[in-house]
Amino acid sequence: MKNNQKQKILYIGNESLQNAAFTRVICSELNLEPITHINFIESENKPTLVLIDLTTDESELNQLKLKLEENPTLCMVILLNVKPDTEYSDFLSWPSVVGTFKASDSLEFLVTGIKRMIQGEIWISRELSTQLIHHFRGYHEKKRLIIGELTARQKQILKMILDGHSNTDISISLSISPMTAKTHVYNIYKKINVKNRAQATQWANKYLLD
């Protein structure tokens, strides 16, 4: 895609004259090219803006969410008609979200916000910003406490589990008996509160690699 080509925008929601007019205004104000279906999203230099009206049928939204998760880097998702009491969960559950708008927001406010998102900003309410700060503070504190409880040897073995090593591989690599390796793995499971190797791998992916 050449740099002088227009960035594309896709509106997903209930079809009406009002929504069609809304899309035309956004395209005109921000020099965007409208597309009519998610299958028209392509791999280009500029990600497609996907405006999603959350008043759309829930089953349709769920299907859309799965579709967007297949290629999250191709889109910048903008949520419309977000309810104040679900803004936090909506923001965390959708892939590639860069902004949210409530039903009470004016068209001028939407145009300003979308323009800022195109420039690389995240456009969310002050209330959501506060909630997200608390969320990630809690996440990193939990991560610090759990990892701090692991010994250096346990961290080493957990990384080996993450790399796909079996207990036999671990025992050979660390020059310990298979029984000792098994005991280490069992103690790691208890400490990080998982039941099997697959869960331990997921845990390591989340906490050791962040």
N, C-alpha and C. Protein backbone atom coordinates (compact mmCIF):
# COMPACT_ATOMS: atom_id res chain seq x y z
N MET A 1 0.84 -1.21 0.00
CA MET A 1 0.00 0.00 0.00
C MET A 1 0.88 1.25 0.00
N LYS A 2 0.60 2.17 -0.92
CA LYS A 2 1.36 3.41 -0.97
C LYS A 2 0.92 4.32 0.16
N ASN A 3 1.87 5.12 0.63
CA ASN A 3 1.58 5.99 1.77
C ASN A 3 0.50 7.02 1.47
N ASN A 4 0.31 7.37 0.15
CA ASN A 4 -0.69 8.39 -0.16
C ASN A 4 -2.10 7.80 -0.30
N GLN A 5 -2.23 6.49 -0.17
CA GLN A 5 -3.55 5.89 -0.21
C GLN A 5 -4.28 6.11 1.11
N LYS A 6 -5.60 6.14 1.01
CA LYS A 6 -6.39 6.41 2.19
C LYS A 6 -6.40 5.22 3.16
N GLN A 7 -6.44 5.55 4.44
CA GLN A 7 -6.64 4.51 5.44
C GLN A 7 -8.10 4.07 5.39
N LYS A 8 -8.33 2.77 5.56
CA LYS A 8 -9.69 2.24 5.42
C LYS A 8 -10.42 2.21 6.76
N ILE A 9 -11.74 2.25 6.67
CA ILE A 9 -12.57 2.19 7.87
C ILE A 9 -13.78 1.29 7.60
N LEU A 10 -14.11 0.48 8.58
CA LEU A 10 -15.25 -0.43 8.49
C LEU A 10 -16.17 -0.19 9.67
N TYR A 11 -17.44 0.09 9.38
CA TYR A 11 -18.43 0.24 10.44
C TYR A 11 -19.24 -1.04 10.55
N ILE A 12 -19.33 -1.59 11.77
CA ILE A 12 -20.10 -2.80 12.01
C ILE A 12 -21.17 -2.49 13.04
N GLY A 13 -22.41 -2.59 12.61
CA GLY A 13 -23.51 -2.28 13.51
C GLY A 13 -24.84 -2.35 12.79
N ASN A 14 -25.86 -1.86 13.43
CA ASN A 14 -27.19 -1.88 12.85
C ASN A 14 -27.27 -0.94 11.65
N GLU A 15 -27.81 -1.43 10.55
CA GLU A 15 -27.92 -0.62 9.35
C GLU A 15 -29.07 0.38 9.47
N SER A 16 -28.75 1.64 9.25
CA SER A 16 -29.77 2.69 9.28
C SER A 16 -29.23 3.89 8.52
N LEU A 17 -30.13 4.78 8.14
CA LEU A 17 -29.71 5.99 7.44
C LEU A 17 -28.79 6.84 8.32
N GLN A 18 -29.10 6.85 9.62
CA GLN A 18 -28.31 7.64 10.55
C GLN A 18 -26.88 7.11 10.64
N ASN A 19 -26.73 5.79 10.73
CA ASN A 19 -25.40 5.20 10.82
C ASN A 19 -24.63 5.36 9.51
N ALA A 20 -25.33 5.28 8.39
CA ALA A 20 -24.69 5.49 7.09
C ALA A 20 -24.18 6.92 6.98
N ALA A 21 -24.99 7.87 7.43
CA ALA A 21 -24.59 9.28 7.42
C ALA A 21 -23.41 9.51 8.35
N PHE A 22 -23.44 8.86 9.50
CA PHE A 22 -22.34 8.97 10.46
C PHE A 22 -21.03 8.51 9.83
N THR A 23 -21.07 7.37 9.13
CA THR A 23 -19.86 6.85 8.49
C THR A 23 -19.36 7.80 7.41
N ARG A 24 -20.27 8.37 6.63
CA ARG A 24 -19.87 9.31 5.58
C ARG A 24 -19.19 10.54 6.17
N VAL A 25 -19.72 11.04 7.27
CA VAL A 25 -19.12 12.22 7.91
C VAL A 25 -17.71 11.89 8.40
N ILE A 26 -17.55 10.75 9.05
CA ILE A 26 -16.23 10.35 9.55
C ILE A 26 -15.24 10.23 8.40
N CYS A 27 -15.67 9.59 7.31
CA CYS A 27 -14.79 9.42 6.15
C CYS A 27 -14.41 10.76 5.54
N SER A 28 -15.38 11.67 5.44
CA SER A 28 -15.13 12.98 4.86
C SER A 28 -14.20 13.82 5.73
N GLU A 29 -14.45 13.84 7.02
CA GLU A 29 -13.66 14.66 7.94
C GLU A 29 -12.22 14.18 8.06
N LEU A 30 -12.02 12.84 7.99
CA LEU A 30 -10.69 12.28 8.26
C LEU A 30 -10.04 11.66 7.03
N ASN A 31 -10.65 11.86 5.86
CA ASN A 31 -10.10 11.36 4.60
C ASN A 31 -9.87 9.84 4.64
N LEU A 32 -10.92 9.12 5.00
CA LEU A 32 -10.86 7.66 5.11
C LEU A 32 -11.65 7.01 3.98
N GLU A 33 -11.28 5.79 3.66
CA GLU A 33 -11.99 5.03 2.62
C GLU A 33 -12.86 3.95 3.28
N PRO A 34 -14.17 4.00 3.10
CA PRO A 34 -15.03 3.00 3.73
C PRO A 34 -14.97 1.65 3.02
N ILE A 35 -15.01 0.57 3.79
CA ILE A 35 -15.20 -0.77 3.23
C ILE A 35 -16.45 -1.35 3.88
N THR A 36 -17.01 -2.38 3.26
CA THR A 36 -18.34 -2.84 3.69
C THR A 36 -18.36 -4.19 4.37
N HIS A 37 -17.22 -4.89 4.42
CA HIS A 37 -17.23 -6.22 5.04
C HIS A 37 -15.86 -6.52 5.63
N ILE A 38 -15.85 -7.28 6.71
CA ILE A 38 -14.59 -7.60 7.39
C ILE A 38 -13.65 -8.40 6.50
N ASN A 39 -14.20 -9.15 5.54
CA ASN A 39 -13.36 -9.94 4.64
C ASN A 39 -12.55 -9.07 3.69
N PHE A 40 -12.88 -7.78 3.61
CA PHE A 40 -12.15 -6.87 2.74
C PHE A 40 -10.92 -6.28 3.44
N ILE A 41 -10.75 -6.61 4.72
CA ILE A 41 -9.57 -6.14 5.44
C ILE A 41 -8.35 -6.88 4.93
N GLU A 42 -7.32 -6.15 4.55
CA GLU A 42 -6.12 -6.75 3.99
C GLU A 42 -4.89 -6.31 4.77
N SER A 43 -3.79 -7.03 4.53
CA SER A 43 -2.52 -6.68 5.16
C SER A 43 -1.92 -5.49 4.41
N GLU A 44 -1.93 -4.34 5.06
CA GLU A 44 -1.44 -3.13 4.44
C GLU A 44 -0.58 -2.36 5.44
N ASN A 45 0.02 -1.25 4.96
CA ASN A 45 0.88 -0.46 5.83
C ASN A 45 0.09 0.18 6.97
N LYS A 46 -1.16 0.54 6.69
CA LYS A 46 -2.00 1.19 7.70
C LYS A 46 -3.11 0.24 8.12
N PRO A 47 -3.27 -0.03 9.41
CA PRO A 47 -4.34 -0.92 9.85
C PRO A 47 -5.72 -0.33 9.59
N THR A 48 -6.67 -1.18 9.30
CA THR A 48 -8.05 -0.74 9.07
C THR A 48 -8.71 -0.36 10.39
N LEU A 49 -9.38 0.79 10.40
CA LEU A 49 -10.17 1.19 11.57
C LEU A 49 -11.48 0.40 11.55
N VAL A 50 -11.77 -0.30 12.63
CA VAL A 50 -13.00 -1.08 12.71
C VAL A 50 -13.86 -0.49 13.82
N LEU A 51 -14.93 0.20 13.44
CA LEU A 51 -15.86 0.79 14.41
C LEU A 51 -16.96 -0.23 14.71
N ILE A 52 -17.09 -0.62 15.97
CA ILE A 52 -18.03 -1.66 16.35
C ILE A 52 -19.09 -1.09 17.27
N ASP A 53 -20.33 -1.13 16.83
CA ASP A 53 -21.47 -0.68 17.63
C ASP A 53 -21.87 -1.82 18.57
N LEU A 54 -21.69 -1.63 19.86
CA LEU A 54 -21.96 -2.70 20.82
C LEU A 54 -23.44 -2.95 21.07
N THR A 55 -24.32 -2.19 20.41
CA THR A 55 -25.75 -2.50 20.48
C THR A 55 -26.13 -3.57 19.45
N THR A 56 -25.15 -4.00 18.67
CA THR A 56 -25.37 -5.06 17.68
C THR A 56 -25.68 -6.38 18.40
N ASP A 57 -26.35 -7.30 17.70
CA ASP A 57 -26.70 -8.60 18.27
C ASP A 57 -25.48 -9.28 18.87
N GLU A 58 -25.64 -9.84 20.07
CA GLU A 58 -24.51 -10.41 20.81
C GLU A 58 -23.84 -11.56 20.08
N SER A 59 -24.62 -12.42 19.44
CA SER A 59 -24.03 -13.55 18.72
C SER A 59 -23.17 -13.07 17.56
N GLU A 60 -23.62 -12.01 16.90
CA GLU A 60 -22.84 -11.43 15.81
C GLU A 60 -21.54 -10.82 16.33
N LEU A 61 -21.62 -10.17 17.49
CA LEU A 61 -20.42 -9.59 18.10
C LEU A 61 -19.42 -10.67 18.47
N ASN A 62 -19.89 -11.78 19.01
CA ASN A 62 -19.00 -12.87 19.39
C ASN A 62 -18.29 -13.46 18.18
N GLN A 63 -19.00 -13.62 17.08
CA GLN A 63 -18.39 -14.12 15.85
C GLN A 63 -17.35 -13.14 15.32
N LEU A 64 -17.68 -11.86 15.41
CA LEU A 64 -16.76 -10.82 14.96
C LEU A 64 -15.49 -10.82 15.80
N LYS A 65 -15.65 -10.98 17.09
CA LYS A 65 -14.49 -10.99 17.99
C LYS A 65 -13.53 -12.12 17.62
N LEU A 66 -14.07 -13.30 17.34
CA LEU A 66 -13.24 -14.43 16.93
C LEU A 66 -12.53 -14.14 15.62
N LYS A 67 -13.22 -13.49 14.70
CA LYS A 67 -12.63 -13.16 13.41
C LYS A 67 -11.47 -12.17 13.57
N LEU A 68 -11.66 -11.18 14.41
CA LEU A 68 -10.62 -10.17 14.63
C LEU A 68 -9.40 -10.76 15.32
N GLU A 69 -9.61 -11.75 16.18
CA GLU A 69 -8.51 -12.38 16.91
C GLU A 69 -7.58 -13.15 15.99
N GLU A 70 -8.05 -13.49 14.79
CA GLU A 70 -7.22 -14.22 13.84
C GLU A 70 -6.08 -13.35 13.30
N ASN A 71 -6.34 -12.07 13.11
CA ASN A 71 -5.33 -11.14 12.58
C ASN A 71 -5.42 -9.80 13.30
N PRO A 72 -5.07 -9.76 14.59
CA PRO A 72 -5.26 -8.54 15.38
C PRO A 72 -4.43 -7.35 14.91
N THR A 73 -3.30 -7.60 14.24
CA THR A 73 -2.44 -6.49 13.83
C THR A 73 -2.98 -5.74 12.62
N LEU A 74 -3.99 -6.30 11.95
CA LEU A 74 -4.52 -5.66 10.75
C LEU A 74 -5.54 -4.58 11.08
N CYS A 75 -5.95 -4.49 12.34
CA CYS A 75 -7.07 -3.61 12.71
C CYS A 75 -6.74 -2.72 13.89
N MET A 76 -7.46 -1.61 13.95
CA MET A 76 -7.54 -0.77 15.14
C MET A 76 -9.01 -0.74 15.52
N VAL A 77 -9.38 -1.39 16.61
CA VAL A 77 -10.78 -1.54 16.98
C VAL A 77 -11.24 -0.37 17.84
N ILE A 78 -12.38 0.21 17.47
CA ILE A 78 -12.98 1.32 18.21
C ILE A 78 -14.39 0.90 18.60
N LEU A 79 -14.69 0.94 19.89
CA LEU A 79 -15.98 0.48 20.39
C LEU A 79 -16.94 1.66 20.55
N LEU A 80 -18.14 1.54 19.99
CA LEU A 80 -19.16 2.58 20.06
C LEU A 80 -20.30 2.15 20.97
N ASN A 81 -20.97 3.13 21.56
CA ASN A 81 -22.12 2.88 22.44
C ASN A 81 -21.77 1.97 23.60
N VAL A 82 -20.60 2.21 24.16
CA VAL A 82 -20.16 1.44 25.33
C VAL A 82 -20.92 1.93 26.56
N LYS A 83 -21.39 1.00 27.36
CA LYS A 83 -22.09 1.36 28.60
C LYS A 83 -21.06 1.62 29.70
N PRO A 84 -21.28 2.64 30.53
CA PRO A 84 -20.31 2.97 31.59
C PRO A 84 -19.99 1.79 32.50
N ASP A 85 -20.98 0.93 32.78
CA ASP A 85 -20.75 -0.16 33.72
C ASP A 85 -20.07 -1.37 33.07
N THR A 86 -19.90 -1.36 31.74
CA THR A 86 -19.21 -2.48 31.08
C THR A 86 -17.99 -2.03 30.29
N GLU A 87 -17.66 -0.75 30.36
CA GLU A 87 -16.55 -0.22 29.56
C GLU A 87 -15.25 -0.96 29.85
N TYR A 88 -14.99 -1.23 31.12
CA TYR A 88 -13.74 -1.90 31.53
C TYR A 88 -13.66 -3.30 30.93
N SER A 89 -14.71 -4.11 31.11
CA SER A 89 -14.69 -5.49 30.60
C SER A 89 -14.70 -5.51 29.07
N ASP A 90 -15.42 -4.58 28.45
CA ASP A 90 -15.43 -4.51 26.99
C ASP A 90 -14.04 -4.22 26.45
N PHE A 91 -13.36 -3.28 27.07
CA PHE A 91 -12.03 -2.88 26.61
C PHE A 91 -11.06 -4.04 26.69
N LEU A 92 -11.12 -4.82 27.77
CA LEU A 92 -10.19 -5.93 27.96
C LEU A 92 -10.53 -7.14 27.10
N SER A 93 -11.79 -7.28 26.70
CA SER A 93 -12.20 -8.50 26.00
C SER A 93 -12.04 -8.43 24.48
N TRP A 94 -11.96 -7.22 23.92
CA TRP A 94 -11.83 -7.09 22.47
C TRP A 94 -10.37 -6.97 22.06
N PRO A 95 -9.96 -7.61 20.95
CA PRO A 95 -8.57 -7.49 20.49
C PRO A 95 -8.32 -6.14 19.83
N SER A 96 -7.12 -5.63 19.99
CA SER A 96 -6.65 -4.44 19.26
C SER A 96 -7.48 -3.18 19.50
N VAL A 97 -8.07 -3.05 20.69
CA VAL A 97 -8.88 -1.87 20.98
C VAL A 97 -7.99 -0.65 21.21
N VAL A 98 -8.34 0.46 20.57
CA VAL A 98 -7.59 1.69 20.75
C VAL A 98 -8.46 2.82 21.30
N GLY A 99 -9.77 2.56 21.44
CA GLY A 99 -10.62 3.61 21.97
C GLY A 99 -12.05 3.17 22.19
N THR A 100 -12.74 3.93 23.03
CA THR A 100 -14.15 3.65 23.33
C THR A 100 -14.95 4.96 23.34
N PHE A 101 -16.21 4.85 22.93
CA PHE A 101 -17.11 5.99 22.98
C PHE A 101 -18.45 5.56 23.57
N LYS A 102 -19.07 6.47 24.31
CA LYS A 102 -20.39 6.22 24.88
C LYS A 102 -21.47 6.79 23.96
N ALA A 103 -22.71 6.37 24.18
CA ALA A 103 -23.83 6.83 23.35
C ALA A 103 -24.02 8.34 23.46
N SER A 104 -23.63 8.91 24.59
CA SER A 104 -23.83 10.35 24.82
C SER A 104 -22.76 11.22 24.16
N ASP A 105 -21.70 10.63 23.62
CA ASP A 105 -20.63 11.41 23.01
C ASP A 105 -21.10 12.03 21.70
N SER A 106 -20.70 13.27 21.47
CA SER A 106 -21.11 13.99 20.26
C SER A 106 -20.30 13.53 19.05
N LEU A 107 -20.82 13.83 17.86
CA LEU A 107 -20.11 13.50 16.63
C LEU A 107 -18.76 14.21 16.57
N GLU A 108 -18.74 15.46 17.00
CA GLU A 108 -17.48 16.21 17.03
C GLU A 108 -16.45 15.54 17.92
N PHE A 109 -16.91 15.03 19.07
CA PHE A 109 -16.03 14.33 20.00
C PHE A 109 -15.49 13.05 19.36
N LEU A 110 -16.35 12.32 18.63
CA LEU A 110 -15.93 11.10 17.96
C LEU A 110 -14.87 11.39 16.89
N VAL A 111 -15.10 12.43 16.10
CA VAL A 111 -14.15 12.78 15.05
C VAL A 111 -12.79 13.13 15.65
N THR A 112 -12.82 13.93 16.72
CA THR A 112 -11.57 14.29 17.39
C THR A 112 -10.85 13.06 17.93
N GLY A 113 -11.62 12.17 18.59
CA GLY A 113 -11.03 10.97 19.17
C GLY A 113 -10.45 10.04 18.12
N ILE A 114 -11.18 9.81 17.05
CA ILE A 114 -10.70 8.91 16.00
C ILE A 114 -9.45 9.48 15.33
N LYS A 115 -9.42 10.81 15.16
CA LYS A 115 -8.23 11.45 14.59
C LYS A 115 -7.02 11.21 15.49
N ARG A 116 -7.20 11.32 16.79
CA ARG A 116 -6.10 11.07 17.73
C ARG A 116 -5.66 9.61 17.68
N MET A 117 -6.61 8.69 17.53
CA MET A 117 -6.27 7.27 17.45
C MET A 117 -5.45 6.96 16.20
N ILE A 118 -5.82 7.60 15.09
CA ILE A 118 -5.05 7.43 13.86
C ILE A 118 -3.62 7.90 14.07
N GLN A 119 -3.45 8.91 14.91
CA GLN A 119 -2.11 9.45 15.20
C GLN A 119 -1.35 8.61 16.23
N GLY A 120 -2.01 7.55 16.73
CA GLY A 120 -1.31 6.63 17.63
C GLY A 120 -1.71 6.70 19.09
N GLU A 121 -2.71 7.51 19.43
CA GLU A 121 -3.12 7.63 20.82
C GLU A 121 -4.18 6.58 21.18
N ILE A 122 -4.29 6.30 22.49
CA ILE A 122 -5.40 5.51 23.03
C ILE A 122 -6.44 6.49 23.54
N TRP A 123 -7.70 6.32 23.14
CA TRP A 123 -8.75 7.28 23.49
C TRP A 123 -9.78 6.60 24.38
N ILE A 124 -9.65 6.80 25.67
CA ILE A 124 -10.57 6.18 26.63
C ILE A 124 -10.93 7.19 27.71
N SER A 125 -11.98 6.88 28.47
CA SER A 125 -12.43 7.79 29.51
C SER A 125 -11.46 7.79 30.69
N ARG A 126 -11.54 8.84 31.49
CA ARG A 126 -10.70 8.93 32.68
C ARG A 126 -11.01 7.79 33.64
N GLU A 127 -12.29 7.42 33.73
CA GLU A 127 -12.68 6.33 34.63
C GLU A 127 -12.03 5.01 34.20
N LEU A 128 -12.04 4.74 32.90
CA LEU A 128 -11.42 3.51 32.40
C LEU A 128 -9.91 3.54 32.60
N SER A 129 -9.30 4.70 32.38
CA SER A 129 -7.86 4.83 32.61
C SER A 129 -7.50 4.44 34.04
N THR A 130 -8.28 4.93 34.99
CA THR A 130 -8.04 4.62 36.41
C THR A 130 -8.19 3.13 36.67
N GLN A 131 -9.24 2.52 36.11
CA GLN A 131 -9.47 1.09 36.31
C GLN A 131 -8.32 0.26 35.74
N LEU A 132 -7.83 0.64 34.57
CA LEU A 132 -6.74 -0.11 33.94
C LEU A 132 -5.44 0.03 34.72
N ILE A 133 -5.19 1.21 35.27
CA ILE A 133 -3.99 1.40 36.09
C ILE A 133 -4.03 0.47 37.29
N HIS A 134 -5.19 0.40 37.96
CA HIS A 134 -5.32 -0.49 39.11
C HIS A 134 -5.18 -1.95 38.69
N HIS A 135 -5.73 -2.30 37.53
CA HIS A 135 -5.66 -3.67 37.04
C HIS A 135 -4.21 -4.11 36.84
N PHE A 136 -3.43 -3.28 36.14
CA PHE A 136 -2.06 -3.67 35.82
C PHE A 136 -1.13 -3.53 37.02
N ARG A 137 -1.43 -2.62 37.93
CA ARG A 137 -0.67 -2.57 39.17
C ARG A 137 -0.84 -3.88 39.93
N GLY A 138 -2.09 -4.33 40.03
CA GLY A 138 -2.37 -5.58 40.73
C GLY A 138 -1.73 -6.76 40.05
N TYR A 139 -1.73 -6.77 38.72
CA TYR A 139 -1.13 -7.87 37.96
C TYR A 139 0.36 -7.96 38.22
N HIS A 140 1.06 -6.83 38.13
CA HIS A 140 2.52 -6.85 38.31
C HIS A 140 2.90 -7.15 39.76
N GLU A 141 2.08 -6.72 40.71
CA GLU A 141 2.36 -7.04 42.11
C GLU A 141 2.20 -8.54 42.34
N LYS A 142 1.15 -9.12 41.77
CA LYS A 142 0.94 -10.57 41.89
C LYS A 142 2.09 -11.33 41.24
N LYS A 143 2.51 -10.88 40.08
CA LYS A 143 3.63 -11.51 39.39
C LYS A 143 4.90 -11.45 40.23
N ARG A 144 5.18 -10.28 40.82
CA ARG A 144 6.38 -10.11 41.62
C ARG A 144 6.37 -11.04 42.83
N LEU A 145 5.22 -11.14 43.50
CA LEU A 145 5.13 -11.98 44.69
C LEU A 145 5.28 -13.46 44.37
N ILE A 146 4.63 -13.91 43.30
CA ILE A 146 4.69 -15.33 42.96
C ILE A 146 6.09 -15.72 42.50
N ILE A 147 6.68 -14.94 41.62
CA ILE A 147 8.02 -15.27 41.13
C ILE A 147 9.03 -15.20 42.26
N GLY A 148 8.81 -14.28 43.20
CA GLY A 148 9.72 -14.17 44.35
C GLY A 148 9.71 -15.39 45.23
N GLU A 149 8.63 -16.18 45.18
CA GLU A 149 8.55 -17.39 45.99
C GLU A 149 9.29 -18.56 45.36
N LEU A 150 9.62 -18.48 44.09
CA LEU A 150 10.33 -19.56 43.41
C LEU A 150 11.83 -19.46 43.66
N THR A 151 12.46 -20.60 43.89
CA THR A 151 13.92 -20.62 44.03
C THR A 151 14.55 -20.49 42.66
N ALA A 152 15.87 -20.21 42.64
CA ALA A 152 16.57 -20.09 41.36
C ALA A 152 16.48 -21.39 40.57
N ARG A 153 16.59 -22.52 41.27
CA ARG A 153 16.50 -23.83 40.61
C ARG A 153 15.10 -24.04 40.02
N GLN A 154 14.07 -23.65 40.77
CA GLN A 154 12.71 -23.82 40.29
C GLN A 154 12.43 -22.95 39.06
N LYS A 155 12.96 -21.74 39.06
CA LYS A 155 12.81 -20.88 37.88
C LYS A 155 13.50 -21.51 36.67
N GLN A 156 14.69 -22.09 36.93
CA GLN A 156 15.44 -22.73 35.85
C GLN A 156 14.65 -23.90 35.26
N ILE A 157 14.08 -24.72 36.14
CA ILE A 157 13.31 -25.88 35.68
C ILE A 157 12.02 -25.43 34.99
N LEU A 158 11.40 -24.39 35.50
CA LEU A 158 10.16 -23.90 34.89
C LEU A 158 10.43 -23.40 33.47
N LYS A 159 11.56 -22.76 33.26
CA LYS A 159 11.92 -22.31 31.92
C LYS A 159 12.18 -23.50 31.00
N MET A 160 12.74 -24.58 31.57
CA MET A 160 12.96 -25.79 30.77
C MET A 160 11.63 -26.44 30.40
N ILE A 161 10.68 -26.42 31.33
CA ILE A 161 9.33 -26.93 31.02
C ILE A 161 8.72 -26.11 29.89
N LEU A 162 8.90 -24.80 29.96
CA LEU A 162 8.38 -23.90 28.93
C LEU A 162 8.98 -24.23 27.57
N ASP A 163 10.24 -24.65 27.56
CA ASP A 163 10.93 -25.01 26.32
C ASP A 163 10.59 -26.41 25.84
N GLY A 164 9.74 -27.12 26.60
CA GLY A 164 9.28 -28.44 26.16
C GLY A 164 10.09 -29.61 26.66
N HIS A 165 10.96 -29.40 27.65
CA HIS A 165 11.78 -30.50 28.16
C HIS A 165 10.97 -31.42 29.08
N SER A 166 11.21 -32.71 28.97
CA SER A 166 10.58 -33.70 29.84
C SER A 166 11.35 -33.79 31.15
N ASN A 167 10.81 -34.53 32.12
CA ASN A 167 11.52 -34.74 33.39
C ASN A 167 12.86 -35.42 33.15
N THR A 168 12.90 -36.35 32.21
CA THR A 168 14.15 -37.04 31.88
C THR A 168 15.17 -36.05 31.32
N ASP A 169 14.72 -35.19 30.41
CA ASP A 169 15.61 -34.16 29.86
C ASP A 169 16.17 -33.27 30.97
N ILE A 170 15.30 -32.88 31.89
CA ILE A 170 15.71 -32.01 33.00
C ILE A 170 16.74 -32.70 33.87
N SER A 171 16.51 -33.98 34.18
CA SER A 171 17.44 -34.71 35.05
C SER A 171 18.81 -34.84 34.40
N ILE A 172 18.84 -35.09 33.09
CA ILE A 172 20.11 -35.22 32.38
C ILE A 172 20.82 -33.87 32.31
N SER A 173 20.08 -32.82 31.96
CA SER A 173 20.67 -31.50 31.80
C SER A 173 21.24 -30.95 33.10
N LEU A 174 20.55 -31.23 34.22
CA LEU A 174 20.97 -30.69 35.52
C LEU A 174 21.77 -31.69 36.35
N SER A 175 22.02 -32.86 35.77
CA SER A 175 22.80 -33.92 36.47
C SER A 175 22.16 -34.28 37.81
N ILE A 176 20.85 -34.48 37.79
CA ILE A 176 20.13 -34.93 38.98
C ILE A 176 19.34 -36.18 38.60
N SER A 177 18.88 -36.90 39.60
CA SER A 177 18.14 -38.13 39.32
C SER A 177 16.75 -37.81 38.77
N PRO A 178 16.16 -38.71 38.00
CA PRO A 178 14.80 -38.50 37.50
C PRO A 178 13.80 -38.25 38.63
N MET A 179 13.99 -38.93 39.76
CA MET A 179 13.09 -38.74 40.90
C MET A 179 13.21 -37.33 41.47
N THR A 180 14.46 -36.82 41.54
CA THR A 180 14.66 -35.46 42.04
C THR A 180 14.02 -34.44 41.08
N ALA A 181 14.18 -34.68 39.79
CA ALA A 181 13.56 -33.79 38.79
C ALA A 181 12.04 -33.80 38.94
N LYS A 182 11.48 -34.99 39.13
CA LYS A 182 10.04 -35.12 39.30
C LYS A 182 9.57 -34.39 40.55
N THR A 183 10.35 -34.48 41.63
CA THR A 183 10.00 -33.79 42.88
C THR A 183 10.03 -32.28 42.69
N HIS A 184 11.06 -31.79 41.99
CA HIS A 184 11.14 -30.35 41.71
C HIS A 184 9.91 -29.88 40.94
N VAL A 185 9.54 -30.63 39.92
CA VAL A 185 8.39 -30.26 39.09
C VAL A 185 7.11 -30.25 39.91
N TYR A 186 6.95 -31.27 40.76
CA TYR A 186 5.76 -31.36 41.62
C TYR A 186 5.69 -30.15 42.56
N ASN A 187 6.82 -29.77 43.15
CA ASN A 187 6.85 -28.63 44.07
C ASN A 187 6.55 -27.31 43.33
N ILE A 188 6.99 -27.23 42.09
CA ILE A 188 6.68 -26.04 41.28
C ILE A 188 5.18 -25.95 41.03
N TYR A 189 4.58 -27.09 40.67
CA TYR A 189 3.13 -27.11 40.44
C TYR A 189 2.37 -26.59 41.66
N LYS A 190 2.78 -27.05 42.84
CA LYS A 190 2.12 -26.64 44.07
C LYS A 190 2.28 -25.14 44.30
N LYS A 191 3.50 -24.65 44.06
CA LYS A 191 3.79 -23.26 44.37
C LYS A 191 3.05 -22.29 43.45
N ILE A 192 2.91 -22.66 42.19
CA ILE A 192 2.24 -21.76 41.25
C ILE A 192 0.78 -22.15 41.03
N ASN A 193 0.33 -23.15 41.78
CA ASN A 193 -1.08 -23.56 41.80
C ASN A 193 -1.58 -24.02 40.43
N VAL A 194 -0.85 -24.97 39.84
CA VAL A 194 -1.30 -25.60 38.59
C VAL A 194 -1.31 -27.12 38.78
N LYS A 195 -1.96 -27.82 37.85
CA LYS A 195 -2.13 -29.26 38.01
C LYS A 195 -1.32 -30.11 37.04
N ASN A 196 -0.85 -29.50 35.96
CA ASN A 196 -0.15 -30.30 34.96
C ASN A 196 0.84 -29.45 34.16
N ARG A 197 1.54 -30.11 33.24
CA ARG A 197 2.58 -29.45 32.46
C ARG A 197 2.01 -28.36 31.54
N ALA A 198 0.85 -28.64 30.97
CA ALA A 198 0.25 -27.65 30.07
C ALA A 198 -0.08 -26.36 30.82
N GLN A 199 -0.64 -26.50 32.03
CA GLN A 199 -0.96 -25.32 32.83
C GLN A 199 0.31 -24.61 33.29
N ALA A 200 1.34 -25.38 33.60
CA ALA A 200 2.62 -24.79 34.02
C ALA A 200 3.23 -23.98 32.87
N THR A 201 3.09 -24.51 31.66
CA THR A 201 3.60 -23.81 30.48
C THR A 201 2.85 -22.50 30.26
N GLN A 202 1.53 -22.54 30.41
CA GLN A 202 0.73 -21.32 30.28
C GLN A 202 1.12 -20.30 31.34
N TRP A 203 1.33 -20.76 32.56
CA TRP A 203 1.72 -19.87 33.66
C TRP A 203 3.06 -19.22 33.34
N ALA A 204 4.02 -20.03 32.89
CA ALA A 204 5.36 -19.50 32.58
C ALA A 204 5.30 -18.49 31.44
N ASN A 205 4.47 -18.78 30.45
CA ASN A 205 4.30 -17.84 29.34
C ASN A 205 3.78 -16.50 29.84
N LYS A 206 2.87 -16.54 30.80
CA LYS A 206 2.24 -15.31 31.30
C LYS A 206 3.15 -14.53 32.24
N TYR A 207 3.83 -15.24 33.15
CA TYR A 207 4.57 -14.54 34.21
C TYR A 207 6.08 -14.45 33.98
N LEU A 208 6.68 -15.47 33.39
CA LEU A 208 8.13 -15.44 33.22
C LEU A 208 8.55 -14.64 32.00
N LEU A 209 7.69 -14.60 30.98
CA LEU A 209 8.08 -13.96 29.73
C LEU A 209 7.62 -12.52 29.60
N ASP A 210 6.73 -12.05 30.50
CA ASP A 210 6.24 -10.66 30.42
C ASP A 210 7.35 -9.68 30.74
